[in-house]
PDB file of N, CA and C in Angstrom:
ATOM      1  N   MET A   1     193.709 -78.854 -42.332  1.00  0.00           N
ATOM      2  CA  MET A   1     194.203 -79.636 -41.217  1.00  0.00           C
ATOM      3  C   MET A   1     193.014 -80.274 -40.499  1.00  0.00           C
ATOM      4  N   GLU A   2     193.090 -81.549 -40.266  1.00  0.00           N
ATOM      5  CA  GLU A   2     192.017 -82.270 -39.600  1.00  0.00           C
ATOM      6  C   GLU A   2     192.045 -81.959 -38.104  1.00  0.00           C
ATOM      7  N   ASN A   3     190.852 -81.765 -37.551  1.00  0.00           N
ATOM      8  CA  ASN A   3     190.736 -81.406 -36.151  1.00  0.00           C
ATOM      9  C   ASN A   3     190.259 -82.620 -35.367  1.00  0.00           C
ATOM     10  N   ASN A   4     191.124 -83.184 -34.537  1.00  0.00           N
ATOM     11  CA  ASN A   4     190.780 -84.356 -33.732  1.00  0.00           C
ATOM     12  C   ASN A   4     190.544 -84.008 -32.272  1.00  0.00           C
ATOM     13  N   LEU A   5     190.297 -82.734 -31.981  1.00  0.00           N
ATOM     14  CA  LEU A   5     190.062 -82.323 -30.597  1.00  0.00           C
ATOM     15  C   LEU A   5     188.696 -82.810 -30.126  1.00  0.00           C
ATOM     16  N   PRO A   6     188.593 -83.106 -28.841  1.00  0.00           N
ATOM     17  CA  PRO A   6     187.270 -83.439 -28.294  1.00  0.00           C
ATOM     18  C   PRO A   6     186.323 -82.241 -28.446  1.00  0.00           C
ATOM     19  N   ILE A   7     185.044 -82.507 -28.424  1.00  0.00           N
ATOM     20  CA  ILE A   7     184.037 -81.437 -28.525  1.00  0.00           C
ATOM     21  C   ILE A   7     184.243 -80.440 -27.388  1.00  0.00           C
ATOM     22  N   ASN A   8     184.045 -79.164 -27.707  1.00  0.00           N
ATOM     23  CA  ASN A   8     184.158 -78.049 -26.770  1.00  0.00           C
ATOM     24  C   ASN A   8     185.546 -77.963 -26.142  1.00  0.00           C
ATOM     25  N   THR A   9     186.536 -78.072 -27.010  1.00  0.00           N
ATOM     26  CA  THR A   9     187.930 -77.988 -26.585  1.00  0.00           C
ATOM     27  C   THR A   9     188.639 -76.895 -27.363  1.00  0.00           C
ATOM     28  N   LEU A  10     189.443 -76.122 -26.644  1.00  0.00           N
ATOM     29  CA  LEU A  10     190.308 -75.114 -27.250  1.00  0.00           C
ATOM     30  C   LEU A  10     191.744 -75.558 -27.054  1.00  0.00           C
ATOM     31  N   SER A  11     192.586 -75.277 -28.023  1.00  0.00           N
ATOM     32  CA  SER A  11     193.983 -75.690 -27.922  1.00  0.00           C
ATOM     33  C   SER A  11     194.892 -74.564 -28.383  1.00  0.00           C
ATOM     34  N   LEU A  12     195.915 -74.287 -27.570  1.00  0.00           N
ATOM     35  CA  LEU A  12     196.967 -73.350 -27.923  1.00  0.00           C
ATOM     36  C   LEU A  12     198.273 -74.127 -27.783  1.00  0.00           C
ATOM     37  N   VAL A  13     198.944 -74.360 -28.901  1.00  0.00           N
ATOM     38  CA  VAL A  13     200.180 -75.144 -28.905  1.00  0.00           C
ATOM     39  C   VAL A  13     201.327 -74.210 -29.278  1.00  0.00           C
ATOM     40  N   MET A  14     202.396 -74.290 -28.504  1.00  0.00           N
ATOM     41  CA  MET A  14     203.586 -73.504 -28.816  1.00  0.00           C
ATOM     42  C   MET A  14     204.664 -74.452 -29.325  1.00  0.00           C
ATOM     43  N   GLN A  15     205.052 -74.249 -30.567  1.00  0.00           N
ATOM     44  CA  GLN A  15     206.041 -75.114 -31.204  1.00  0.00           C
ATOM     45  C   GLN A  15     207.333 -74.321 -31.381  1.00  0.00           C
ATOM     46  N   ILE A  16     208.408 -74.800 -30.747  1.00  0.00           N
ATOM     47  CA  ILE A  16     209.692 -74.110 -30.800  1.00  0.00           C
ATOM     48  C   ILE A  16     210.402 -74.473 -32.094  1.00  0.00           C
ATOM     49  N   GLN A  17     210.776 -73.457 -32.843  1.00  0.00           N
ATOM     50  CA  GLN A  17     211.554 -73.648 -34.057  1.00  0.00           C
ATOM     51  C   GLN A  17     213.026 -73.594 -33.652  1.00  0.00           C
ATOM     52  N   ASP A  18     213.656 -74.744 -33.594  1.00  0.00           N
ATOM     53  CA  ASP A  18     215.013 -74.865 -33.071  1.00  0.00           C
ATOM     54  C   ASP A  18     216.034 -74.824 -34.205  1.00  0.00           C
ATOM     55  N   GLU A  19     216.066 -73.678 -34.883  1.00  0.00           N
ATOM     56  CA  GLU A  19     216.981 -73.539 -36.014  1.00  0.00           C
ATOM     57  C   GLU A  19     217.890 -72.336 -35.780  1.00  0.00           C
ATOM     58  N   GLY A  20     219.184 -72.574 -35.721  1.00  0.00           N
ATOM     59  CA  GLY A  20     220.127 -71.486 -35.541  1.00  0.00           C
ATOM     60  C   GLY A  20     220.094 -70.913 -34.138  1.00  0.00           C
ATOM     61  N   GLU A  21     220.591 -69.676 -34.009  1.00  0.00           N
ATOM     62  CA  GLU A  21     220.657 -69.038 -32.695  1.00  0.00           C
ATOM     63  C   GLU A  21     219.306 -68.508 -32.238  1.00  0.00           C
ATOM     64  N   ASP A  22     218.492 -68.054 -33.189  1.00  0.00           N
ATOM     65  CA  ASP A  22     217.184 -67.501 -32.838  1.00  0.00           C
ATOM     66  C   ASP A  22     216.171 -68.627 -32.676  1.00  0.00           C
ATOM     67  N   LYS A  23     215.617 -68.705 -31.498  1.00  0.00           N
ATOM     68  CA  LYS A  23     214.588 -69.708 -31.213  1.00  0.00           C
ATOM     69  C   LYS A  23     213.236 -69.011 -31.323  1.00  0.00           C
ATOM     70  N   GLU A  24     212.529 -69.269 -32.380  1.00  0.00           N
ATOM     71  CA  GLU A  24     211.207 -68.685 -32.544  1.00  0.00           C
ATOM     72  C   GLU A  24     210.152 -69.683 -32.112  1.00  0.00           C
ATOM     73  N   VAL A  25     209.025 -69.158 -31.693  1.00  0.00           N
ATOM     74  CA  VAL A  25     207.920 -70.002 -31.273  1.00  0.00           C
ATOM     75  C   VAL A  25     206.733 -69.733 -32.195  1.00  0.00           C
ATOM     76  N   ASN A  26     206.261 -70.781 -32.815  1.00  0.00           N
ATOM     77  CA  ASN A  26     205.027 -70.698 -33.588  1.00  0.00           C
ATOM     78  C   ASN A  26     203.882 -71.063 -32.675  1.00  0.00           C
ATOM     79  N   ILE A  27     202.845 -70.253 -32.714  1.00  0.00           N
ATOM     80  CA  ILE A  27     201.673 -70.533 -31.901  1.00  0.00           C
ATOM     81  C   ILE A  27     200.578 -71.043 -32.821  1.00  0.00           C
ATOM     82  N   ILE A  28     200.098 -72.229 -32.503  1.00  0.00           N
ATOM     83  CA  ILE A  28     199.092 -72.887 -33.319  1.00  0.00           C
ATOM     84  C   ILE A  28     197.801 -72.956 -32.511  1.00  0.00           C
ATOM     85  N   LEU A  29     196.722 -72.428 -33.072  1.00  0.00           N
ATOM     86  CA  LEU A  29     195.424 -72.449 -32.414  1.00  0.00           C
ATOM     87  C   LEU A  29     194.523 -73.477 -33.079  1.00  0.00           C
ATOM     88  N   ALA A  30     193.712 -74.109 -32.277  1.00  0.00           N
ATOM     89  CA  ALA A  30     192.705 -75.031 -32.800  1.00  0.00           C
ATOM     90  C   ALA A  30     191.535 -75.033 -31.831  1.00  0.00           C
ATOM     91  N   CYS A  31     190.358 -75.273 -32.362  1.00  0.00           N
ATOM     92  CA  CYS A  31     189.195 -75.391 -31.501  1.00  0.00           C
ATOM     93  C   CYS A  31     188.166 -76.299 -32.163  1.00  0.00           C
ATOM     94  N   ASN A  32     187.373 -76.926 -31.325  1.00  0.00           N
ATOM     95  CA  ASN A  32     186.291 -77.778 -31.795  1.00  0.00           C
ATOM     96  C   ASN A  32     185.105 -77.512 -30.869  1.00  0.00           C
ATOM     97  N   ILE A  33     184.307 -76.530 -31.264  1.00  0.00           N
ATOM     98  CA  ILE A  33     183.181 -76.114 -30.439  1.00  0.00           C
ATOM     99  C   ILE A  33     181.903 -76.683 -31.040  1.00  0.00           C
ATOM    100  N   SER A  34     181.086 -77.238 -30.185  1.00  0.00           N
ATOM    101  CA  SER A  34     179.825 -77.840 -30.610  1.00  0.00           C
ATOM    102  C   SER A  34     178.945 -76.803 -31.308  1.00  0.00           C
ATOM    103  N   SER A  35     178.316 -77.209 -32.366  1.00  0.00           N
ATOM    104  CA  SER A  35     177.377 -76.322 -33.065  1.00  0.00           C
ATOM    105  C   SER A  35     176.147 -76.048 -32.201  1.00  0.00           C
ATOM    106  N   GLU A  36     175.971 -76.829 -31.169  1.00  0.00           N
ATOM    107  CA  GLU A  36     174.843 -76.637 -30.261  1.00  0.00           C
ATOM    108  C   GLU A  36     175.116 -75.577 -29.191  1.00  0.00           C
ATOM    109  N   MET A  37     176.378 -75.169 -29.053  1.00  0.00           N
ATOM    110  CA  MET A  37     176.706 -74.150 -28.060  1.00  0.00           C
ATOM    111  C   MET A  37     176.150 -72.807 -28.520  1.00  0.00           C
ATOM    112  N   ASP A  38     175.661 -72.035 -27.569  1.00  0.00           N
ATOM    113  CA  ASP A  38     175.159 -70.695 -27.852  1.00  0.00           C
ATOM    114  C   ASP A  38     176.251 -69.890 -28.557  1.00  0.00           C
ATOM    115  N   GLU A  39     175.895 -69.186 -29.613  1.00  0.00           N
ATOM    116  CA  GLU A  39     176.877 -68.473 -30.425  1.00  0.00           C
ATOM    117  C   GLU A  39     177.648 -67.430 -29.624  1.00  0.00           C
ATOM    118  N   GLU A  40     176.987 -66.790 -28.681  1.00  0.00           N
ATOM    119  CA  GLU A  40     177.650 -65.784 -27.849  1.00  0.00           C
ATOM    120  C   GLU A  40     178.777 -66.415 -27.036  1.00  0.00           C
ATOM    121  N   TYR A  41     178.521 -67.581 -26.452  1.00  0.00           N
ATOM    122  CA  TYR A  41     179.553 -68.274 -25.685  1.00  0.00           C
ATOM    123  C   TYR A  41     180.664 -68.784 -26.594  1.00  0.00           C
ATOM    124  N   ALA A  42     180.301 -69.335 -27.738  1.00  0.00           N
ATOM    125  CA  ALA A  42     181.307 -69.839 -28.670  1.00  0.00           C
ATOM    126  C   ALA A  42     182.238 -68.714 -29.106  1.00  0.00           C
ATOM    127  N   ASP A  43     181.669 -67.556 -29.454  1.00  0.00           N
ATOM    128  CA  ASP A  43     182.490 -66.408 -29.850  1.00  0.00           C
ATOM    129  C   ASP A  43     183.391 -65.958 -28.707  1.00  0.00           C
ATOM    130  N   TYR A  44     182.863 -65.956 -27.491  1.00  0.00           N
ATOM    131  CA  TYR A  44     183.656 -65.556 -26.329  1.00  0.00           C
ATOM    132  C   TYR A  44     184.894 -66.444 -26.198  1.00  0.00           C
ATOM    133  N   TYR A  45     184.705 -67.759 -26.287  1.00  0.00           N
ATOM    134  CA  TYR A  45     185.823 -68.683 -26.111  1.00  0.00           C
ATOM    135  C   TYR A  45     186.827 -68.586 -27.256  1.00  0.00           C
ATOM    136  N   VAL A  46     186.346 -68.413 -28.472  1.00  0.00           N
ATOM    137  CA  VAL A  46     187.270 -68.261 -29.606  1.00  0.00           C
ATOM    138  C   VAL A  46     188.036 -66.945 -29.471  1.00  0.00           C
ATOM    139  N   ASN A  47     187.355 -65.876 -29.059  1.00  0.00           N
ATOM    140  CA  ASN A  47     188.037 -64.601 -28.822  1.00  0.00           C
ATOM    141  C   ASN A  47     189.071 -64.725 -27.714  1.00  0.00           C
ATOM    142  N   MET A  48     188.717 -65.455 -26.648  1.00  0.00           N
ATOM    143  CA  MET A  48     189.653 -65.673 -25.546  1.00  0.00           C
ATOM    144  C   MET A  48     190.910 -66.384 -26.056  1.00  0.00           C
ATOM    145  N   LEU A  49     190.726 -67.392 -26.888  1.00  0.00           N
ATOM    146  CA  LEU A  49     191.859 -68.141 -27.426  1.00  0.00           C
ATOM    147  C   LEU A  49     192.771 -67.233 -28.247  1.00  0.00           C
ATOM    148  N   HIS A  50     192.183 -66.405 -29.083  1.00  0.00           N
ATOM    149  CA  HIS A  50     192.986 -65.480 -29.890  1.00  0.00           C
ATOM    150  C   HIS A  50     193.668 -64.435 -29.018  1.00  0.00           C
ATOM    151  N   GLY A  51     192.981 -64.003 -27.954  1.00  0.00           N
ATOM    152  CA  GLY A  51     193.594 -63.069 -27.012  1.00  0.00           C
ATOM    153  C   GLY A  51     194.783 -63.681 -26.298  1.00  0.00           C
ATOM    154  N   MET A  52     194.665 -64.960 -25.960  1.00  0.00           N
ATOM    155  CA  MET A  52     195.790 -65.656 -25.330  1.00  0.00           C
ATOM    156  C   MET A  52     196.976 -65.723 -26.282  1.00  0.00           C
ATOM    157  N   GLN A  53     196.706 -65.980 -27.543  1.00  0.00           N
ATOM    158  CA  GLN A  53     197.787 -66.026 -28.533  1.00  0.00           C
ATOM    159  C   GLN A  53     198.506 -64.686 -28.590  1.00  0.00           C
ATOM    160  N   GLU A  54     197.745 -63.616 -28.670  1.00  0.00           N
ATOM    161  CA  GLU A  54     198.344 -62.287 -28.745  1.00  0.00           C
ATOM    162  C   GLU A  54     199.115 -61.971 -27.469  1.00  0.00           C
ATOM    163  N   SER A  55     198.562 -62.340 -26.323  1.00  0.00           N
ATOM    164  CA  SER A  55     199.229 -62.085 -25.046  1.00  0.00           C
ATOM    165  C   SER A  55     200.550 -62.834 -24.948  1.00  0.00           C
ATOM    166  N   VAL A  56     200.570 -64.078 -25.387  1.00  0.00           N
ATOM    167  CA  VAL A  56     201.811 -64.865 -25.348  1.00  0.00           C
ATOM    168  C   VAL A  56     202.869 -64.200 -26.226  1.00  0.00           C
ATOM    169  N   GLU A  57     202.469 -63.731 -27.389  1.00  0.00           N
ATOM    170  CA  GLU A  57     203.425 -63.098 -28.288  1.00  0.00           C
ATOM    171  C   GLU A  57     203.962 -61.786 -27.713  1.00  0.00           C
ATOM    172  N   LEU A  58     203.087 -61.018 -27.063  1.00  0.00           N
ATOM    173  CA  LEU A  58     203.492 -59.713 -26.540  1.00  0.00           C
ATOM    174  C   LEU A  58     204.190 -59.794 -25.186  1.00  0.00           C
ATOM    175  N   MET A  59     203.858 -60.809 -24.374  1.00  0.00           N
ATOM    176  CA  MET A  59     204.339 -60.843 -22.997  1.00  0.00           C
ATOM    177  C   MET A  59     205.088 -62.127 -22.661  1.00  0.00           C
ATOM    178  N   ALA A  60     205.804 -62.675 -23.608  1.00  0.00           N
ATOM    179  CA  ALA A  60     206.510 -63.939 -23.385  1.00  0.00           C
ATOM    180  C   ALA A  60     207.482 -63.841 -22.207  1.00  0.00           C
ATOM    181  N   ASP A  61     208.238 -62.758 -22.125  1.00  0.00           N
ATOM    182  CA  ASP A  61     209.203 -62.613 -21.031  1.00  0.00           C
ATOM    183  C   ASP A  61     208.493 -62.540 -19.671  1.00  0.00           C
ATOM    184  N   HIS A  62     207.365 -61.859 -19.629  1.00  0.00           N
ATOM    185  CA  HIS A  62     206.587 -61.772 -18.393  1.00  0.00           C
ATOM    186  C   HIS A  62     206.121 -63.164 -17.968  1.00  0.00           C
ATOM    187  N   PHE A  63     205.574 -63.930 -18.906  1.00  0.00           N
ATOM    188  CA  PHE A  63     205.105 -65.278 -18.572  1.00  0.00           C
ATOM    189  C   PHE A  63     206.257 -66.167 -18.113  1.00  0.00           C
ATOM    190  N   ALA A  64     207.419 -66.029 -18.741  1.00  0.00           N
ATOM    191  CA  ALA A  64     208.581 -66.822 -18.329  1.00  0.00           C
ATOM    192  C   ALA A  64     209.002 -66.458 -16.903  1.00  0.00           C
ATOM    193  N   GLU A  65     208.977 -65.169 -16.578  1.00  0.00           N
ATOM    194  CA  GLU A  65     209.358 -64.732 -15.230  1.00  0.00           C
ATOM    195  C   GLU A  65     208.355 -65.238 -14.189  1.00  0.00           C
ATOM    196  N   VAL A  66     207.071 -65.090 -14.476  1.00  0.00           N
ATOM    197  CA  VAL A  66     206.041 -65.579 -13.553  1.00  0.00           C
ATOM    198  C   VAL A  66     206.158 -67.096 -13.405  1.00  0.00           C
ATOM    199  N   GLY A  67     206.390 -67.784 -14.511  1.00  0.00           N
ATOM    200  CA  GLY A  67     206.540 -69.242 -14.464  1.00  0.00           C
ATOM    201  C   GLY A  67     207.727 -69.669 -13.620  1.00  0.00           C
ATOM    202  N   ALA A  68     208.846 -68.957 -13.750  1.00  0.00           N
ATOM    203  CA  ALA A  68     210.032 -69.293 -12.951  1.00  0.00           C
ATOM    204  C   ALA A  68     209.743 -69.128 -11.464  1.00  0.00           C
ATOM    205  N   LYS A  69     209.065 -68.037 -11.105  1.00  0.00           N
ATOM    206  CA  LYS A  69     208.740 -67.802  -9.691  1.00  0.00           C
ATOM    207  C   LYS A  69     207.729 -68.831  -9.189  1.00  0.00           C
ATOM    208  N   THR A  70     206.773 -69.180 -10.032  1.00  0.00           N
ATOM    209  CA  THR A  70     205.780 -70.180  -9.658  1.00  0.00           C
ATOM    210  C   THR A  70     206.433 -71.530  -9.402  1.00  0.00           C
ATOM    211  N   ARG A  71     207.395 -71.902 -10.235  1.00  0.00           N
ATOM    212  CA  ARG A  71     208.092 -73.175 -10.040  1.00  0.00           C
ATOM    213  C   ARG A  71     208.874 -73.179  -8.735  1.00  0.00           C
ATOM    214  N   ILE A  72     209.481 -72.043  -8.384  1.00  0.00           N
ATOM    215  CA  ILE A  72     210.214 -71.941  -7.116  1.00  0.00           C
ATOM    216  C   ILE A  72     209.250 -72.089  -5.944  1.00  0.00           C
ATOM    217  N   ILE A  73     208.115 -71.386  -6.013  1.00  0.00           N
ATOM    218  CA  ILE A  73     207.117 -71.472  -4.944  1.00  0.00           C
ATOM    219  C   ILE A  73     206.588 -72.893  -4.815  1.00  0.00           C
ATOM    220  N   ASP A  74     206.293 -73.538  -5.952  1.00  0.00           N
ATOM    221  CA  ASP A  74     205.808 -74.923  -5.920  1.00  0.00           C
ATOM    222  C   ASP A  74     206.812 -75.849  -5.241  1.00  0.00           C
ATOM    223  N   ALA A  75     208.091 -75.688  -5.569  1.00  0.00           N
ATOM    224  CA  ALA A  75     209.122 -76.531  -4.969  1.00  0.00           C
ATOM    225  C   ALA A  75     209.207 -76.284  -3.465  1.00  0.00           C
ATOM    226  N   LEU A  76     209.116 -75.020  -3.053  1.00  0.00           N
ATOM    227  CA  LEU A  76     209.155 -74.702  -1.622  1.00  0.00           C
ATOM    228  C   LEU A  76     207.937 -75.264  -0.898  1.00  0.00           C
ATOM    229  N   MET A  77     206.771 -75.188  -1.539  1.00  0.00           N
ATOM    230  CA  MET A  77     205.556 -75.734  -0.925  1.00  0.00           C
ATOM    231  C   MET A  77     205.661 -77.249  -0.778  1.00  0.00           C
ATOM    232  N   GLU A  78     206.188 -77.915  -1.798  1.00  0.00           N
ATOM    233  CA  GLU A  78     206.369 -79.369  -1.710  1.00  0.00           C
ATOM    234  C   GLU A  78     207.323 -79.728  -0.580  1.00  0.00           C
ATOM    235  N   ASP A  79     208.419 -78.963  -0.453  1.00  0.00           N
ATOM    236  CA  ASP A  79     209.373 -79.206   0.631  1.00  0.00           C
ATOM    237  C   ASP A  79     208.725 -79.007   1.994  1.00  0.00           C
ATOM    238  N   SER A  80     207.951 -77.933   2.129  1.00  0.00           N
ATOM    239  CA  SER A  80     207.339 -77.652   3.431  1.00  0.00           C
ATOM    240  C   SER A  80     206.285 -78.697   3.774  1.00  0.00           C
ATOM    241  N   GLU A  81     205.534 -79.174   2.780  1.00  0.00           N
ATOM    242  CA  GLU A  81     204.543 -80.225   3.032  1.00  0.00           C
ATOM    243  C   GLU A  81     205.226 -81.529   3.427  1.00  0.00           C
ATOM    244  N   ARG A  82     206.335 -81.821   2.768  1.00  0.00           N
ATOM    245  CA  ARG A  82     207.075 -83.046   3.071  1.00  0.00           C
ATOM    246  C   ARG A  82     207.657 -82.987   4.484  1.00  0.00           C
ATOM    247  N   GLU A  83     208.057 -81.797   4.909  1.00  0.00           N
ATOM    248  CA  GLU A  83     208.649 -81.626   6.228  1.00  0.00           C
ATOM    249  C   GLU A  83     207.607 -81.329   7.303  1.00  0.00           C
ATOM    250  N   GLY A  84     206.342 -81.218   6.910  1.00  0.00           N
ATOM    251  CA  GLY A  84     205.280 -80.999   7.883  1.00  0.00           C
ATOM    252  C   GLY A  84     205.174 -79.581   8.383  1.00  0.00           C
ATOM    253  N   ILE A  85     205.652 -78.597   7.636  1.00  0.00           N
ATOM    254  CA  ILE A  85     205.568 -77.197   8.042  1.00  0.00           C
ATOM    255  C   ILE A  85     204.179 -76.678   7.665  1.00  0.00           C
ATOM    256  N   LEU A  86     203.492 -76.077   8.620  1.00  0.00           N
ATOM    257  CA  LEU A  86     202.162 -75.542   8.390  1.00  0.00           C
ATOM    258  C   LEU A  86     202.168 -74.039   8.592  1.00  0.00           C
ATOM    259  N   PHE A  87     201.330 -73.341   7.848  1.00  0.00           N
ATOM    260  CA  PHE A  87     201.184 -71.890   7.987  1.00  0.00           C
ATOM    261  C   PHE A  87     200.222 -71.579   9.121  1.00  0.00           C
ATOM    262  N   GLU A  88     200.672 -70.797  10.062  1.00  0.00           N
ATOM    263  CA  GLU A  88     199.833 -70.338  11.163  1.00  0.00           C
ATOM    264  C   GLU A  88     199.755 -68.819  11.051  1.00  0.00           C
ATOM    265  N   PRO A  89     198.582 -68.262  10.731  1.00  0.00           N
ATOM    266  CA  PRO A  89     198.495 -66.802  10.579  1.00  0.00           C
ATOM    267  C   PRO A  89     198.702 -66.087  11.906  1.00  0.00           C
ATOM    268  N   ALA A  90     199.368 -64.941  11.838  1.00  0.00           N
ATOM    269  CA  ALA A  90     199.596 -64.125  13.031  1.00  0.00           C
ATOM    270  C   ALA A  90     198.275 -63.517  13.484  1.00  0.00           C
ATOM    271  N   ASP A  91     198.188 -63.187  14.756  1.00  0.00           N
ATOM    272  CA  ASP A  91     196.977 -62.576  15.291  1.00  0.00           C
ATOM    273  C   ASP A  91     196.648 -61.271  14.569  1.00  0.00           C
ATOM    274  N   GLU A  92     197.677 -60.514  14.190  1.00  0.00           N
ATOM    275  CA  GLU A  92     197.453 -59.252  13.481  1.00  0.00           C
ATOM    276  C   GLU A  92     196.742 -59.496  12.142  1.00  0.00           C
ATOM    277  N   LEU A  93     197.110 -60.567  11.453  1.00  0.00           N
ATOM    278  CA  LEU A  93     196.458 -60.891  10.187  1.00  0.00           C
ATOM    279  C   LEU A  93     195.008 -61.286  10.417  1.00  0.00           C
ATOM    280  N   LEU A  94     194.778 -62.118  11.414  1.00  0.00           N
ATOM    281  CA  LEU A  94     193.411 -62.530  11.725  1.00  0.00           C
ATOM    282  C   LEU A  94     192.556 -61.328  12.124  1.00  0.00           C
ATOM    283  N   ASP A  95     193.134 -60.394  12.897  1.00  0.00           N
ATOM    284  CA  ASP A  95     192.408 -59.185  13.286  1.00  0.00           C
ATOM    285  C   ASP A  95     192.106 -58.316  12.064  1.00  0.00           C
ATOM    286  N   ALA A  96     193.070 -58.181  11.157  1.00  0.00           N
ATOM    287  CA  ALA A  96     192.871 -57.365   9.963  1.00  0.00           C
ATOM    288  C   ALA A  96     191.755 -57.936   9.096  1.00  0.00           C
ATOM    289  N   VAL A  97     191.728 -59.235   8.950  1.00  0.00           N
ATOM    290  CA  VAL A  97     190.673 -59.884   8.172  1.00  0.00           C
ATOM    291  C   VAL A  97     189.330 -59.682   8.866  1.00  0.00           C
ATOM    292  N   HIS A  98     189.324 -59.853  10.177  1.00  0.00           N
ATOM    293  CA  HIS A  98     188.085 -59.696  10.945  1.00  0.00           C
ATOM    294  C   HIS A  98     187.583 -58.261  10.881  1.00  0.00           C
ATOM    295  N   ASP A  99     188.489 -57.282  10.917  1.00  0.00           N
ATOM    296  CA  ASP A  99     188.115 -55.868  10.891  1.00  0.00           C
ATOM    297  C   ASP A  99     187.912 -55.350   9.472  1.00  0.00           C
ATOM    298  N   THR A 100     187.896 -56.227   8.505  1.00  0.00           N
ATOM    299  CA  THR A 100     187.713 -55.917   7.069  1.00  0.00           C
ATOM    300  C   THR A 100     188.724 -54.905   6.537  1.00  0.00           C
ATOM    301  N   LYS A 101     189.939 -54.991   7.034  1.00  0.00           N
ATOM    302  CA  LYS A 101     191.005 -54.186   6.474  1.00  0.00           C
ATOM    303  C   LYS A 101     191.589 -54.849   5.232  1.00  0.00           C
ATOM    304  N   VAL A 102     191.098 -56.034   4.933  1.00  0.00           N
ATOM    305  CA  VAL A 102     191.525 -56.765   3.755  1.00  0.00           C
ATOM    306  C   VAL A 102     190.396 -56.682   2.739  1.00  0.00           C
ATOM    307  N   VAL A 103     190.732 -56.308   1.516  1.00  0.00           N
ATOM    308  CA  VAL A 103     189.738 -56.157   0.466  1.00  0.00           C
ATOM    309  C   VAL A 103     189.480 -57.506  -0.183  1.00  0.00           C
ATOM    310  N   ALA A 104     188.219 -57.873  -0.296  1.00  0.00           N
ATOM    311  CA  ALA A 104     187.840 -59.117  -0.970  1.00  0.00           C
ATOM    312  C   ALA A 104     187.576 -58.817  -2.445  1.00  0.00           C
ATOM    313  N   PHE A 105     188.117 -59.623  -3.318  1.00  0.00           N
ATOM    314  CA  PHE A 105     187.912 -59.454  -4.748  1.00  0.00           C
ATOM    315  C   PHE A 105     186.872 -60.449  -5.207  1.00  0.00           C
ATOM    316  N   LYS A 106     185.929 -59.981  -6.021  1.00  0.00           N
ATOM    317  CA  LYS A 106     184.940 -60.873  -6.586  1.00  0.00           C
ATOM    318  C   LYS A 106     185.495 -61.496  -7.844  1.00  0.00           C
ATOM    319  N   LYS A 107     185.165 -62.744  -8.057  1.00  0.00           N
ATOM    320  CA  LYS A 107     185.606 -63.444  -9.257  1.00  0.00           C
ATOM    321  C   LYS A 107     184.794 -62.931 -10.437  1.00  0.00           C
ATOM    322  N   LYS A 108     185.480 -62.538 -11.504  1.00  0.00           N
ATOM    323  CA  LYS A 108     184.810 -62.021 -12.690  1.00  0.00           C
ATOM    324  C   LYS A 108     184.498 -63.160 -13.639  1.00  0.00           C
ATOM    325  N   LEU A 109     183.271 -63.250 -14.048  1.00  0.00           N
ATOM    326  CA  LEU A 109     182.845 -64.300 -14.960  1.00  0.00           C
ATOM    327  C   LEU A 109     182.478 -63.716 -16.322  1.00  0.00           C
ATOM    328  N   HIS A 110     183.370 -63.159 -17.011  1.00  0.00           N
ATOM    329  CA  HIS A 110     183.161 -62.510 -18.305  1.00  0.00           C
ATOM    330  C   HIS A 110     181.923 -61.706 -18.239  1.00  0.00           C
TER     331      HIS A 110
END
């Protein structure tokens, strides 16, 4: 199969097999990583892509549920922005943040 992806691109495509009552999804992976990229980074990204494939296969219902909730939240946010509704944090929340009762999470970079 010819790879027409831009350089340093990963692709995960889900193709629905619409035959009969059972709807199966084929997951197709492709990548086009520059030969100039450090091998450690290239392996990391290819491993990540394969991990995503496995996760989609194992947790499809979870992703569908999260996606449904995300779409509802997005629609509500769009409505509130259109209507000019703004979030004003309560004093208790501001105090909790100030008193470090809220745990800060560091972003993990592999």
